[in-house]
Amino acid sequence: MESILRDLDIVKVWAKAEHDERRVLVEELIESVTVFPDHLEVKAAGAPPLNVLYGEVGLKLPEIVGVGDWT
């Protein structure tokens, strides 16, 4: 199993996968995504958390960011 996973070309698998198959791949590999005002924290199975800027995934930074009540 280790050699299969080590030699797996995920780019080719992703390119050939249908929408539903891609969703299964993501659901199996990604443990969580935490949304912060300035970035996302993505936790993949068996890997340290990855900080991703909104622009890196085609999202815009929210215009209104803050913590607590507006006073």
C-alpha atoms as a PDB file:
ATOM      1  CA  MET A   1       0.000   0.000   0.000  1.00  0.00           C
ATOM      2  CA  GLU A   2       2.837   2.388   0.847  1.00  0.00           C
ATOM      3  CA  SER A   3       4.404   2.065  -2.612  1.00  0.00           C
ATOM      4  CA  ILE A   4       1.038   2.657  -4.291  1.00  0.00           C
ATOM      5  CA  LEU A   5       0.487   5.865  -2.331  1.00  0.00           C
ATOM      6  CA  ARG A   6       4.093   7.008  -2.780  1.00  0.00           C
ATOM      7  CA  ASP A   7       3.886   6.588  -6.560  1.00  0.00           C
ATOM      8  CA  LEU A   8       0.360   8.007  -6.895  1.00  0.00           C
ATOM      9  CA  ASP A   9       0.220  10.969  -9.281  1.00  0.00           C
ATOM     10  CA  ILE A  10      -2.543  12.971  -7.619  1.00  0.00           C
ATOM     11  CA  VAL A  11      -2.502  15.582 -10.404  1.00  0.00           C
ATOM     12  CA  LYS A  12      -3.436  12.925 -12.979  1.00  0.00           C
ATOM     13  CA  VAL A  13      -6.017  11.370 -10.652  1.00  0.00           C
ATOM     14  CA  TRP A  14      -7.599  14.791 -10.051  1.00  0.00           C
ATOM     15  CA  ALA A  15      -7.669  15.601 -13.768  1.00  0.00           C
ATOM     16  CA  LYS A  16      -9.454  12.334 -14.610  1.00  0.00           C
ATOM     17  CA  ALA A  17     -11.885  12.411 -11.660  1.00  0.00           C
ATOM     18  CA  GLU A  18     -15.529  13.399 -11.993  1.00  0.00           C
ATOM     19  CA  HIS A  19     -16.976  16.083  -9.669  1.00  0.00           C
ATOM     20  CA  ASP A  20     -18.334  13.544  -7.164  1.00  0.00           C
ATOM     21  CA  GLU A  21     -15.047  11.616  -7.171  1.00  0.00           C
ATOM     22  CA  ARG A  22     -13.127  14.814  -6.455  1.00  0.00           C
ATOM     23  CA  ARG A  23     -15.433  15.553  -3.558  1.00  0.00           C
ATOM     24  CA  VAL A  24     -14.706  12.129  -2.062  1.00  0.00           C
ATOM     25  CA  LEU A  25     -10.951  12.727  -2.410  1.00  0.00           C
ATOM     26  CA  VAL A  26     -11.221  16.071  -0.610  1.00  0.00           C
ATOM     27  CA  GLU A  27     -13.472  14.692   2.137  1.00  0.00           C
ATOM     28  CA  GLU A  28     -11.052  11.833   2.791  1.00  0.00           C
ATOM     29  CA  LEU A  29      -7.896  13.964   2.789  1.00  0.00           C
ATOM     30  CA  ILE A  30      -9.024  17.159   4.553  1.00  0.00           C
ATOM     31  CA  GLU A  31      -9.750  16.920   8.274  1.00  0.00           C
ATOM     32  CA  SER A  32     -10.869  20.527   8.731  1.00  0.00           C
ATOM     33  CA  VAL A  33     -10.808  24.069   7.386  1.00  0.00           C
ATOM     34  CA  THR A  34     -10.895  26.886   9.934  1.00  0.00           C
ATOM     35  CA  VAL A  35     -11.805  30.372   8.722  1.00  0.00           C
ATOM     36  CA  PHE A  36      -9.889  33.310  10.185  1.00  0.00           C
ATOM     37  CA  PRO A  37     -10.322  36.985   9.244  1.00  0.00           C
ATOM     38  CA  ASP A  38      -7.138  37.037   7.155  1.00  0.00           C
ATOM     39  CA  HIS A  39      -6.551  33.392   6.172  1.00  0.00           C
ATOM     40  CA  LEU A  40      -7.792  29.805   6.205  1.00  0.00           C
ATOM     41  CA  GLU A  41      -6.171  27.050   8.235  1.00  0.00           C
ATOM     42  CA  VAL A  42      -6.385  23.703   6.425  1.00  0.00           C
ATOM     43  CA  LYS A  43      -5.658  20.478   8.290  1.00  0.00           C
ATOM     44  CA  ALA A  44      -4.931  17.555   5.990  1.00  0.00           C
ATOM     45  CA  ALA A  45      -4.786  13.987   7.272  1.00  0.00           C
ATOM     46  CA  GLY A  46      -1.348  13.220   8.655  1.00  0.00           C
ATOM     47  CA  ALA A  47       0.129  16.662   7.975  1.00  0.00           C
ATOM     48  CA  PRO A  48       0.704  19.851   9.987  1.00  0.00           C
ATOM     49  CA  PRO A  49      -1.828  22.675   9.518  1.00  0.00           C
ATOM     50  CA  LEU A  50      -1.409  24.786   6.397  1.00  0.00           C
ATOM     51  CA  ASN A  51      -2.180  28.522   6.425  1.00  0.00           C
ATOM     52  CA  VAL A  52      -3.716  29.647   3.143  1.00  0.00           C
ATOM     53  CA  LEU A  53      -4.354  33.259   2.161  1.00  0.00           C
ATOM     54  CA  TYR A  54      -7.769  33.980   0.649  1.00  0.00           C
ATOM     55  CA  GLY A  55      -6.172  35.199  -2.594  1.00  0.00           C
ATOM     56  CA  GLU A  56      -4.321  31.901  -3.011  1.00  0.00           C
ATOM     57  CA  VAL A  57      -7.627  30.092  -3.483  1.00  0.00           C
ATOM     58  CA  GLY A  58      -9.464  32.762  -5.464  1.00  0.00           C
ATOM     59  CA  LEU A  59     -11.306  34.356  -2.531  1.00  0.00           C
ATOM     60  CA  LYS A  60     -11.407  38.011  -1.539  1.00  0.00           C
ATOM     61  CA  LEU A  61     -10.436  39.257   1.906  1.00  0.00           C
ATOM     62  CA  PRO A  62     -13.633  40.177   3.783  1.00  0.00           C
ATOM     63  CA  GLU A  63     -14.170  43.933   3.827  1.00  0.00           C
ATOM     64  CA  ILE A  64     -15.370  43.989   7.420  1.00  0.00           C
ATOM     65  CA  VAL A  65     -13.233  42.079   9.869  1.00  0.00           C
ATOM     66  CA  GLY A  66     -13.345  42.512  13.596  1.00  0.00           C
ATOM     67  CA  VAL A  67     -13.898  40.826  16.893  1.00  0.00           C
ATOM     68  CA  GLY A  68     -16.568  41.717  19.416  1.00  0.00           C
ATOM     69  CA  ASP A  69     -19.322  44.310  19.351  1.00  0.00           C
ATOM     70  CA  TRP A  70     -19.195  47.517  17.357  1.00  0.00           C
ATOM     71  CA  THR A  71     -19.191  50.383  19.839  1.00  0.00           C
END
